[in-house]
PDB file of N, CA and C in Angstrom:
ATOM      1  N   UNK A   1      -0.643-149.527  93.594  1.00  0.00           N
ATOM      2  CA  UNK A   1      -0.401-149.233  92.455  1.00  0.00           C
ATOM      3  C   UNK A   1       1.008-149.834  91.540  1.00  0.00           C
ATOM      4  N   UNK A   2       0.610-149.730  90.522  1.00  0.00           N
ATOM      5  CA  UNK A   2       1.143-150.664  89.782  1.00  0.00           C
ATOM      6  C   UNK A   2       2.538-150.480  89.000  1.00  0.00           C
ATOM      7  N   UNK A   3       3.123-149.468  89.341  1.00  0.00           N
ATOM      8  CA  UNK A   3       4.325-148.823  88.940  1.00  0.00           C
ATOM      9  C   UNK A   3       4.700-148.560  87.379  1.00  0.00           C
ATOM     10  N   UNK A   4       3.666-148.015  86.835  1.00  0.00           N
ATOM     11  CA  UNK A   4       3.750-147.640  85.558  1.00  0.00           C
ATOM     12  C   UNK A   4       3.858-146.376  85.134  1.00  0.00           C
ATOM     13  N   UNK A   5       3.545-145.508  86.347  1.00  0.00           N
ATOM     14  CA  UNK A   5       3.558-143.697  86.280  1.00  0.00           C
ATOM     15  C   UNK A   5       4.963-143.706  86.962  1.00  0.00           C
ATOM     16  N   UNK A   6       5.797-142.820  86.517  1.00  0.00           N
ATOM     17  CA  UNK A   6       7.084-142.223  86.875  1.00  0.00           C
ATOM     18  C   UNK A   6       6.490-141.579  88.274  1.00  0.00           C
ATOM     19  N   UNK A   7       5.602-140.516  88.276  1.00  0.00           N
ATOM     20  CA  UNK A   7       5.173-140.173  89.389  1.00  0.00           C
ATOM     21  C   UNK A   7       5.094-140.501  90.667  1.00  0.00           C
ATOM     22  N   UNK A   8       4.628-141.873  90.616  1.00  0.00           N
ATOM     23  CA  UNK A   8       4.411-142.684  91.813  1.00  0.00           C
ATOM     24  C   UNK A   8       5.010-143.160  92.708  1.00  0.00           C
ATOM     25  N   UNK A   9       6.725-143.238  91.964  1.00  0.00           N
ATOM     26  CA  UNK A   9       7.831-143.607  92.358  1.00  0.00           C
ATOM     27  C   UNK A   9       8.339-142.736  92.657  1.00  0.00           C
ATOM     28  N   UNK A  10       9.093-142.603  93.975  1.00  0.00           N
ATOM     29  CA  UNK A  10      10.061-141.827  94.367  1.00  0.00           C
ATOM     30  C   UNK A  10      11.113-142.258  95.293  1.00  0.00           C
ATOM     31  N   UNK A  11      12.213-141.764  95.314  1.00  0.00           N
ATOM     32  CA  UNK A  11      13.522-142.802  96.078  1.00  0.00           C
ATOM     33  C   UNK A  11      13.354-143.036  97.452  1.00  0.00           C
ATOM     34  N   UNK A  12      13.360-144.166  98.040  1.00  0.00           N
ATOM     35  CA  UNK A  12      13.181-144.564  99.418  1.00  0.00           C
ATOM     36  C   UNK A  12      11.920-145.235  99.942  1.00  0.00           C
ATOM     37  N   UNK A  13      10.893-145.540  98.901  1.00  0.00           N
ATOM     38  CA  UNK A  13       9.736-146.331  98.847  1.00  0.00           C
ATOM     39  C   UNK A  13      10.106-147.663  98.508  1.00  0.00           C
ATOM     40  N   UNK A  14       9.115-148.615  99.226  1.00  0.00           N
ATOM     41  CA  UNK A  14       9.255-149.819  99.053  1.00  0.00           C
ATOM     42  C   UNK A  14       8.595-150.352  97.729  1.00  0.00           C
ATOM     43  N   UNK A  15       9.389-151.008  96.851  1.00  0.00           N
ATOM     44  CA  UNK A  15       8.790-151.588  95.789  1.00  0.00           C
ATOM     45  C   UNK A  15       8.884-153.202  95.451  1.00  0.00           C
ATOM     46  N   UNK A  16       8.243-153.668  94.878  1.00  0.00           N
ATOM     47  CA  UNK A  16       8.245-155.090  93.978  1.00  0.00           C
ATOM     48  C   UNK A  16       8.604-154.851  92.719  1.00  0.00           C
ATOM     49  N   UNK A  17       9.744-155.389  92.606  1.00  0.00           N
ATOM     50  CA  UNK A  17      10.394-155.341  90.967  1.00  0.00           C
ATOM     51  C   UNK A  17      10.413-156.829  90.364  1.00  0.00           C
ATOM     52  N   UNK A  18      10.593-156.797  89.049  1.00  0.00           N
ATOM     53  CA  UNK A  18      10.947-157.915  88.368  1.00  0.00           C
ATOM     54  C   UNK A  18      12.453-157.731  87.617  1.00  0.00           C
ATOM     55  N   UNK A  19      13.149-158.589  87.954  1.00  0.00           N
ATOM     56  CA  UNK A  19      14.810-158.434  87.240  1.00  0.00           C
ATOM     57  C   UNK A  19      14.282-159.203  86.028  1.00  0.00           C
ATOM     58  N   UNK A  20      15.550-158.550  85.312  1.00  0.00           N
ATOM     59  CA  UNK A  20      15.779-159.014  83.895  1.00  0.00           C
ATOM     60  C   UNK A  20      15.739-160.640  83.606  1.00  0.00           C
ATOM     61  N   UNK A  21      16.647-161.228  84.601  1.00  0.00           N
ATOM     62  CA  UNK A  21      16.592-162.812  84.854  1.00  0.00           C
ATOM     63  C   UNK A  21      15.308-163.347  85.097  1.00  0.00           C
ATOM     64  N   UNK A  22      14.322-162.715  85.720  1.00  0.00           N
ATOM     65  CA  UNK A  22      13.409-163.279  86.499  1.00  0.00           C
ATOM     66  C   UNK A  22      11.989-162.870  85.424  1.00  0.00           C
ATOM     67  N   UNK A  23      12.057-162.185  84.213  1.00  0.00           N
ATOM     68  CA  UNK A  23      10.777-161.769  83.422  1.00  0.00           C
ATOM     69  C   UNK A  23      10.198-163.042  83.127  1.00  0.00           C
ATOM     70  N   UNK A  24      10.869-164.229  82.937  1.00  0.00           N
ATOM     71  CA  UNK A  24       9.951-165.349  82.478  1.00  0.00           C
ATOM     72  C   UNK A  24       9.177-166.227  83.533  1.00  0.00           C
ATOM     73  N   UNK A  25      10.247-166.259  84.642  1.00  0.00           N
ATOM     74  CA  UNK A  25       9.380-166.936  85.848  1.00  0.00           C
ATOM     75  C   UNK A  25       8.600-166.078  86.548  1.00  0.00           C
ATOM     76  N   UNK A  26       8.639-164.768  86.457  1.00  0.00           N
ATOM     77  CA  UNK A  26       7.998-163.921  87.123  1.00  0.00           C
ATOM     78  C   UNK A  26       8.164-163.621  88.706  1.00  0.00           C
ATOM     79  N   UNK A  27       9.249-164.122  89.008  1.00  0.00           N
ATOM     80  CA  UNK A  27       9.640-163.884  90.339  1.00  0.00           C
ATOM     81  C   UNK A  27       9.928-162.214  90.344  1.00  0.00           C
ATOM     82  N   UNK A  28       9.306-161.736  91.858  1.00  0.00           N
ATOM     83  CA  UNK A  28       9.525-160.194  92.009  1.00  0.00           C
ATOM     84  C   UNK A  28      10.756-160.023  93.413  1.00  0.00           C
ATOM     85  N   UNK A  29      11.129-159.259  93.460  1.00  0.00           N
ATOM     86  CA  UNK A  29      12.164-158.893  94.396  1.00  0.00           C
ATOM     87  C   UNK A  29      11.554-157.652  95.049  1.00  0.00           C
ATOM     88  N   UNK A  30      11.730-157.778  96.266  1.00  0.00           N
ATOM     89  CA  UNK A  30      11.736-156.542  96.895  1.00  0.00           C
ATOM     90  C   UNK A  30      12.395-155.631  97.687  1.00  0.00           C
ATOM     91  N   UNK A  31      12.312-154.361  97.532  1.00  0.00           N
ATOM     92  CA  UNK A  31      13.553-153.655  97.835  1.00  0.00           C
ATOM     93  C   UNK A  31      12.952-152.209  98.010  1.00  0.00           C
ATOM     94  N   UNK A  32      13.798-151.376  98.361  1.00  0.00           N
ATOM     95  CA  UNK A  32      13.705-149.874  98.490  1.00  0.00           C
ATOM     96  C   UNK A  32      14.268-149.117  97.387  1.00  0.00           C
ATOM     97  N   UNK A  33      14.075-148.141  96.860  1.00  0.00           N
ATOM     98  CA  UNK A  33      14.009-147.482  95.708  1.00  0.00           C
ATOM     99  C   UNK A  33      15.406-146.419  95.773  1.00  0.00           C
ATOM    100  N   UNK A  34      16.350-146.394  95.057  1.00  0.00           N
ATOM    101  CA  UNK A  34      17.756-145.752  95.199  1.00  0.00           C
ATOM    102  C   UNK A  34      17.685-144.876  93.805  1.00  0.00           C
ATOM    103  N   UNK A  35      17.575-145.164  92.929  1.00  0.00           N
ATOM    104  CA  UNK A  35      17.507-144.164  91.761  1.00  0.00           C
ATOM    105  C   UNK A  35      16.161-144.695  90.651  1.00  0.00           C
ATOM    106  N   UNK A  36      15.731-143.790  89.860  1.00  0.00           N
ATOM    107  CA  UNK A  36      14.935-143.979  88.906  1.00  0.00           C
ATOM    108  C   UNK A  36      15.610-143.830  87.741  1.00  0.00           C
ATOM    109  N   UNK A  37      15.609-144.822  87.014  1.00  0.00           N
ATOM    110  CA  UNK A  37      16.168-144.791  85.837  1.00  0.00           C
ATOM    111  C   UNK A  37      15.400-144.752  84.528  1.00  0.00           C
ATOM    112  N   UNK A  38      14.118-144.727  84.436  1.00  0.00           N
ATOM    113  CA  UNK A  38      13.216-144.595  83.145  1.00  0.00           C
ATOM    114  C   UNK A  38      13.144-142.982  83.333  1.00  0.00           C
ATOM    115  N   UNK A  39      13.153-142.342  82.173  1.00  0.00           N
ATOM    116  CA  UNK A  39      13.134-140.959  82.027  1.00  0.00           C
ATOM    117  C   UNK A  39      11.482-140.548  81.373  1.00  0.00           C
ATOM    118  N   UNK A  40      11.047-141.345  81.159  1.00  0.00           N
ATOM    119  CA  UNK A  40       9.742-140.997  80.229  1.00  0.00           C
ATOM    120  C   UNK A  40       8.598-141.220  81.583  1.00  0.00           C
ATOM    121  N   UNK A  41       7.429-140.274  81.473  1.00  0.00           N
ATOM    122  CA  UNK A  41       6.453-140.329  82.528  1.00  0.00           C
ATOM    123  C   UNK A  41       5.677-141.388  82.669  1.00  0.00           C
ATOM    124  N   UNK A  42       5.554-142.587  81.997  1.00  0.00           N
ATOM    125  CA  UNK A  42       4.913-143.508  81.622  1.00  0.00           C
ATOM    126  C   UNK A  42       5.858-144.739  81.071  1.00  0.00           C
ATOM    127  N   UNK A  43       5.595-145.880  81.484  1.00  0.00           N
ATOM    128  CA  UNK A  43       6.194-147.275  80.760  1.00  0.00           C
ATOM    129  C   UNK A  43       5.216-148.269  80.765  1.00  0.00           C
ATOM    130  N   UNK A  44       4.740-148.773  79.948  1.00  0.00           N
ATOM    131  CA  UNK A  44       3.909-149.909  79.568  1.00  0.00           C
ATOM    132  C   UNK A  44       4.287-151.162  80.533  1.00  0.00           C
ATOM    133  N   UNK A  45       5.691-151.531  80.581  1.00  0.00           N
ATOM    134  CA  UNK A  45       5.956-152.544  81.384  1.00  0.00           C
ATOM    135  C   UNK A  45       6.350-152.229  82.867  1.00  0.00           C
ATOM    136  N   UNK A  46       6.314-150.936  83.203  1.00  0.00           N
ATOM    137  CA  UNK A  46       6.873-150.805  84.397  1.00  0.00           C
ATOM    138  C   UNK A  46       8.195-149.866  84.227  1.00  0.00           C
ATOM    139  N   UNK A  47       8.229-148.985  85.331  1.00  0.00           N
ATOM    140  CA  UNK A  47       9.280-147.600  85.555  1.00  0.00           C
ATOM    141  C   UNK A  47      10.390-148.692  85.993  1.00  0.00           C
ATOM    142  N   UNK A  48      11.676-148.361  85.109  1.00  0.00           N
ATOM    143  CA  UNK A  48      12.921-149.037  85.538  1.00  0.00           C
ATOM    144  C   UNK A  48      13.490-148.525  86.803  1.00  0.00           C
ATOM    145  N   UNK A  49      14.013-149.116  87.782  1.00  0.00           N
ATOM    146  CA  UNK A  49      14.525-148.618  89.257  1.00  0.00           C
ATOM    147  C   UNK A  49      15.885-149.302  89.297  1.00  0.00           C
ATOM    148  N   UNK A  50      16.679-148.759  90.125  1.00  0.00           N
ATOM    149  CA  UNK A  50      17.822-149.360  90.932  1.00  0.00           C
ATOM    150  C   UNK A  50      17.445-149.409  92.352  1.00  0.00           C
ATOM    151  N   UNK A  51      17.595-150.465  92.850  1.00  0.00           N
ATOM    152  CA  UNK A  51      17.368-150.604  94.508  1.00  0.00           C
ATOM    153  C   UNK A  51      18.290-150.393  95.412  1.00  0.00           C
ATOM    154  N   UNK A  52      18.412-149.936  96.622  1.00  0.00           N
ATOM    155  CA  UNK A  52      19.503-150.034  97.402  1.00  0.00           C
ATOM    156  C   UNK A  52      20.555-150.882  97.566  1.00  0.00           C
ATOM    157  N   UNK A  53      20.139-152.315  97.023  1.00  0.00           N
ATOM    158  CA  UNK A  53      20.762-153.433  97.202  1.00  0.00           C
ATOM    159  C   UNK A  53      21.775-153.542  95.654  1.00  0.00           C
ATOM    160  N   UNK A  54      21.479-152.737  94.738  1.00  0.00           N
ATOM    161  CA  UNK A  54      22.128-152.562  93.523  1.00  0.00           C
ATOM    162  C   UNK A  54      21.217-153.491  92.522  1.00  0.00           C
ATOM    163  N   UNK A  55      20.399-153.904  92.740  1.00  0.00           N
ATOM    164  CA  UNK A  55      19.542-154.634  91.833  1.00  0.00           C
ATOM    165  C   UNK A  55      18.761-153.635  90.844  1.00  0.00           C
ATOM    166  N   UNK A  56      18.533-154.132  89.475  1.00  0.00           N
ATOM    167  CA  UNK A  56      17.725-153.135  88.556  1.00  0.00           C
ATOM    168  C   UNK A  56      16.761-153.770  88.080  1.00  0.00           C
ATOM    169  N   UNK A  57      15.700-153.225  87.968  1.00  0.00           N
ATOM    170  CA  UNK A  57      14.374-154.217  87.409  1.00  0.00           C
ATOM    171  C   UNK A  57      13.343-153.063  87.284  1.00  0.00           C
ATOM    172  N   UNK A  58      12.573-153.259  86.423  1.00  0.00           N
ATOM    173  CA  UNK A  58      11.093-152.918  86.352  1.00  0.00           C
ATOM    174  C   UNK A  58       9.834-152.918  87.699  1.00  0.00           C
ATOM    175  N   UNK A  59       9.422-151.749  88.148  1.00  0.00           N
ATOM    176  CA  UNK A  59       8.361-151.824  89.303  1.00  0.00           C
ATOM    177  C   UNK A  59       7.085-152.579  88.785  1.00  0.00           C
ATOM    178  N   UNK A  60       6.681-153.726  89.377  1.00  0.00           N
ATOM    179  CA  UNK A  60       5.546-154.044  89.276  1.00  0.00           C
ATOM    180  C   UNK A  60       4.292-153.805  90.301  1.00  0.00           C
ATOM    181  N   UNK A  61       4.931-153.378  91.210  1.00  0.00           N
ATOM    182  CA  UNK A  61       3.755-153.067  92.524  1.00  0.00           C
ATOM    183  C   UNK A  61       4.650-152.057  93.417  1.00  0.00           C
ATOM    184  N   UNK A  62       3.973-151.195  93.946  1.00  0.00           N
ATOM    185  CA  UNK A  62       4.561-149.990  94.850  1.00  0.00           C
ATOM    186  C   UNK A  62       3.833-150.594  96.235  1.00  0.00           C
ATOM    187  N   UNK A  63       4.520-150.830  97.105  1.00  0.00           N
ATOM    188  CA  UNK A  63       4.278-151.475  98.615  1.00  0.00           C
ATOM    189  C   UNK A  63       3.742-150.230  99.213  1.00  0.00           C
ATOM    190  N   UNK A  64       2.883-150.575 100.211  1.00  0.00           N
ATOM    191  CA  UNK A  64       2.309-149.399 100.922  1.00  0.00           C
ATOM    192  C   UNK A  64       3.332-149.399 102.342  1.00  0.00           C
TER     193      UNK A  64
END
């Protein structure tokens, strides 16, 4: 799953996100979702989440 649909993301799942500072380089950060910050059901660049580590970014991939 690519992380663009809010319904695919729930707190407690493992995801790969891109942080704001890493958008140019494309570096991904792995973590567990704590909060979902995007209110709309879909976002073209990925749903914005906060990880348990405190990092905030857009979901690029949902890990199985």
